[in-house]
Structure formats: C-alpha cells, structure tokens
Amino acid sequence: MSAPVASFTIIGRTPDGKSFRPSDWADRLCGIMSVFGADRKMKFSPYVRPGSTHVGDKCVQVDGRLHHLEPLAYKFLVNFAKDNELLLEYLDESTAAAS
C-alpha cells in the first residue's frame, strides 16, 4: 500500500499579501477538473472544489485521494500554485479525514 498523499488548499494570495487575479480563478481552475453529468450540467470534481478562507480569500481545496486516481492532475494543481506563487496549506491526515 502506498503512503498517503496530503490534501491541501491553494489560497489565492501571494506571500507578499497580493490577491491572485482574475477574481474567478478558483472556479476556472476547478472547471478544468469538472465533468458534465447525464443531466448535461457541469459538476465539480469531489476532489477539487472551490471555496474561500475565513478571511475571504478565494481558494481551491484538493483532496489527496486525487493523487491515487490522477497523479498528473494532482501534480498540475501543486505546480499551478507554485508557478503563480500562491500560498499552499497542507492538511494533516486527521484534518483531511474529517472533511
């Protein structure tokens, strides 16, 4: 069995405090991981979901289980955050299991 991979949150703020633009970046990023259901409506992946932090920053929550299903998608999301100098908040296993 492979080691668990961390769940994490991409926060739409840079280390110097600037908000990431455009303002709908989280929805766009989650949109590339979404699918169209039988009802012809777009549905976000249960592993990549938009949200916001307690201070109102846009964010994307990434479930670590994505790594086991689609490792390249997981890596893409990590690299997106790094390339755009966005804050990453990794969740420990007890926090990830509760969500």
C-alpha atoms as a PDB file:
ATOM      1  CA  MET A   1       0.000   0.000   0.000  1.00  0.00           C
ATOM      2  CA  SER A   2       1.353   3.416  -0.891  1.00  0.00           C
ATOM      3  CA  ALA A   3       1.873   6.216   1.610  1.00  0.00           C
ATOM      4  CA  PRO A   4      -0.968   8.723   1.946  1.00  0.00           C
ATOM      5  CA  VAL A   5      -0.603  11.916  -0.049  1.00  0.00           C
ATOM      6  CA  ALA A   6      -1.542  15.182   1.626  1.00  0.00           C
ATOM      7  CA  SER A   7      -4.722  17.054   0.951  1.00  0.00           C
ATOM      8  CA  PHE A   8      -4.119  20.773   0.577  1.00  0.00           C
ATOM      9  CA  THR A   9      -5.700  24.136  -0.041  1.00  0.00           C
ATOM     10  CA  ILE A  10      -4.467  26.608  -2.655  1.00  0.00           C
ATOM     11  CA  ILE A  11      -5.091  30.085  -1.256  1.00  0.00           C
ATOM     12  CA  GLY A  12      -5.472  32.952  -3.725  1.00  0.00           C
ATOM     13  CA  ARG A  13      -2.903  35.144  -2.016  1.00  0.00           C
ATOM     14  CA  THR A  14       0.817  35.513  -2.590  1.00  0.00           C
ATOM     15  CA  PRO A  15       3.379  35.535   0.238  1.00  0.00           C
ATOM     16  CA  ASP A  16       3.604  39.335  -0.074  1.00  0.00           C
ATOM     17  CA  GLY A  17      -0.164  39.654   0.531  1.00  0.00           C
ATOM     18  CA  LYS A  18      -1.414  40.327  -3.009  1.00  0.00           C
ATOM     19  CA  SER A  19      -4.706  38.760  -4.130  1.00  0.00           C
ATOM     20  CA  PHE A  20      -4.481  36.495  -7.142  1.00  0.00           C
ATOM     21  CA  ARG A  21      -6.353  37.645 -10.246  1.00  0.00           C
ATOM     22  CA  PRO A  22      -8.694  37.175 -12.010  1.00  0.00           C
ATOM     23  CA  SER A  23     -11.190  37.031  -9.178  1.00  0.00           C
ATOM     24  CA  ASP A  24     -12.831  33.866 -10.566  1.00  0.00           C
ATOM     25  CA  TRP A  25      -9.564  31.926 -10.753  1.00  0.00           C
ATOM     26  CA  ALA A  26     -10.760  29.245  -8.303  1.00  0.00           C
ATOM     27  CA  ASP A  27     -13.889  28.472 -10.326  1.00  0.00           C
ATOM     28  CA  ARG A  28     -11.850  28.364 -13.539  1.00  0.00           C
ATOM     29  CA  LEU A  29      -9.267  26.034 -12.040  1.00  0.00           C
ATOM     30  CA  CYS A  30     -11.934  23.714 -10.655  1.00  0.00           C
ATOM     31  CA  GLY A  31     -13.731  23.913 -14.001  1.00  0.00           C
ATOM     32  CA  ILE A  32     -10.900  22.141 -15.787  1.00  0.00           C
ATOM     33  CA  MET A  33     -11.312  19.251 -13.350  1.00  0.00           C
ATOM     34  CA  SER A  34     -15.104  19.102 -13.714  1.00  0.00           C
ATOM     35  CA  VAL A  35     -17.345  16.845 -15.774  1.00  0.00           C
ATOM     36  CA  PHE A  36     -20.716  17.085 -17.457  1.00  0.00           C
ATOM     37  CA  GLY A  37     -23.269  14.699 -15.974  1.00  0.00           C
ATOM     38  CA  ALA A  38     -26.108  12.875 -17.676  1.00  0.00           C
ATOM     39  CA  ASP A  39     -28.280  15.900 -16.897  1.00  0.00           C
ATOM     40  CA  ARG A  40     -25.915  17.998 -19.073  1.00  0.00           C
ATOM     41  CA  LYS A  41     -24.887  20.141 -16.118  1.00  0.00           C
ATOM     42  CA  MET A  42     -21.290  20.758 -15.138  1.00  0.00           C
ATOM     43  CA  LYS A  43     -20.322  19.213 -11.807  1.00  0.00           C
ATOM     44  CA  PHE A  44     -17.171  19.979  -9.871  1.00  0.00           C
ATOM     45  CA  SER A  45     -14.978  17.033  -9.022  1.00  0.00           C
ATOM     46  CA  PRO A  46     -15.385  15.810  -5.451  1.00  0.00           C
ATOM     47  CA  TYR A  47     -11.574  16.001  -5.234  1.00  0.00           C
ATOM     48  CA  VAL A  48     -11.098  19.624  -6.399  1.00  0.00           C
ATOM     49  CA  ARG A  49     -13.539  22.185  -5.006  1.00  0.00           C
ATOM     50  CA  PRO A  50     -13.624  25.984  -4.922  1.00  0.00           C
ATOM     51  CA  GLY A  51     -14.129  27.784  -1.647  1.00  0.00           C
ATOM     52  CA  SER A  52     -12.980  30.703   0.439  1.00  0.00           C
ATOM     53  CA  THR A  53     -10.944  31.111   3.589  1.00  0.00           C
ATOM     54  CA  HIS A  54     -12.211  32.566   6.854  1.00  0.00           C
ATOM     55  CA  VAL A  55     -10.800  35.962   5.792  1.00  0.00           C
ATOM     56  CA  GLY A  56     -12.470  35.865   2.372  1.00  0.00           C
ATOM     57  CA  ASP A  57      -9.619  34.756   0.120  1.00  0.00           C
ATOM     58  CA  LYS A  58     -10.667  32.535  -2.773  1.00  0.00           C
ATOM     59  CA  CYS A  59      -9.230  29.049  -2.507  1.00  0.00           C
ATOM     60  CA  VAL A  60      -9.271  25.589  -4.046  1.00  0.00           C
ATOM     61  CA  GLN A  61      -9.430  22.531  -1.819  1.00  0.00           C
ATOM     62  CA  VAL A  62      -7.647  19.489  -3.202  1.00  0.00           C
ATOM     63  CA  ASP A  63      -8.287  16.042  -1.748  1.00  0.00           C
ATOM     64  CA  GLY A  64      -5.119  13.948  -1.544  1.00  0.00           C
ATOM     65  CA  ARG A  65      -7.005  10.926  -2.920  1.00  0.00           C
ATOM     66  CA  LEU A  66      -6.796  12.666  -6.320  1.00  0.00           C
ATOM     67  CA  HIS A  67      -3.125  11.666  -6.430  1.00  0.00           C
ATOM     68  CA  HIS A  68      -4.048   7.981  -6.459  1.00  0.00           C
ATOM     69  CA  LEU A  69      -6.688   8.464  -9.175  1.00  0.00           C
ATOM     70  CA  GLU A  70      -4.939  11.024 -11.404  1.00  0.00           C
ATOM     71  CA  PRO A  71      -1.362  11.746 -10.296  1.00  0.00           C
ATOM     72  CA  LEU A  72      -0.755  14.152 -13.183  1.00  0.00           C
ATOM     73  CA  ALA A  73      -3.807  16.232 -12.209  1.00  0.00           C
ATOM     74  CA  TYR A  74      -2.573  16.376  -8.599  1.00  0.00           C
ATOM     75  CA  LYS A  75       0.892  17.448  -9.774  1.00  0.00           C
ATOM     76  CA  PHE A  76      -0.651  20.045 -12.108  1.00  0.00           C
ATOM     77  CA  LEU A  77      -2.504  21.651  -9.182  1.00  0.00           C
ATOM     78  CA  VAL A  78       0.611  21.732  -6.989  1.00  0.00           C
ATOM     79  CA  ASN A  79       2.624  23.252  -9.842  1.00  0.00           C
ATOM     80  CA  PHE A  80      -0.133  25.789 -10.595  1.00  0.00           C
ATOM     81  CA  ALA A  81       0.150  27.074  -7.035  1.00  0.00           C
ATOM     82  CA  LYS A  82       3.949  27.150  -7.118  1.00  0.00           C
ATOM     83  CA  ASP A  83       4.164  28.753 -10.570  1.00  0.00           C
ATOM     84  CA  ASN A  84       1.782  31.530  -9.500  1.00  0.00           C
ATOM     85  CA  GLU A  85       3.421  31.911  -6.073  1.00  0.00           C
ATOM     86  CA  LEU A  86       0.184  31.138  -4.240  1.00  0.00           C
ATOM     87  CA  LEU A  87       0.010  30.047  -0.630  1.00  0.00           C
ATOM     88  CA  LEU A  88      -0.412  26.326  -0.027  1.00  0.00           C
ATOM     89  CA  GLU A  89      -1.855  24.993   3.198  1.00  0.00           C
ATOM     90  CA  TYR A  90      -1.322  21.273   3.638  1.00  0.00           C
ATOM     91  CA  LEU A  91      -3.796  19.371   5.783  1.00  0.00           C
ATOM     92  CA  ASP A  92      -2.697  16.634   8.123  1.00  0.00           C
ATOM     93  CA  GLU A  93      -4.373  13.253   7.878  1.00  0.00           C
ATOM     94  CA  SER A  94      -6.702  13.876  10.846  1.00  0.00           C
ATOM     95  CA  THR A  95      -7.933  17.129   9.281  1.00  0.00           C
ATOM     96  CA  ALA A  96      -8.295  15.544   5.830  1.00  0.00           C
ATOM     97  CA  ALA A  97     -10.274  12.606   7.200  1.00  0.00           C
ATOM     98  CA  ALA A  98     -12.745  14.942   8.937  1.00  0.00           C
ATOM     99  CA  SER A  99     -13.564  16.892   5.771  1.00  0.00           C
END
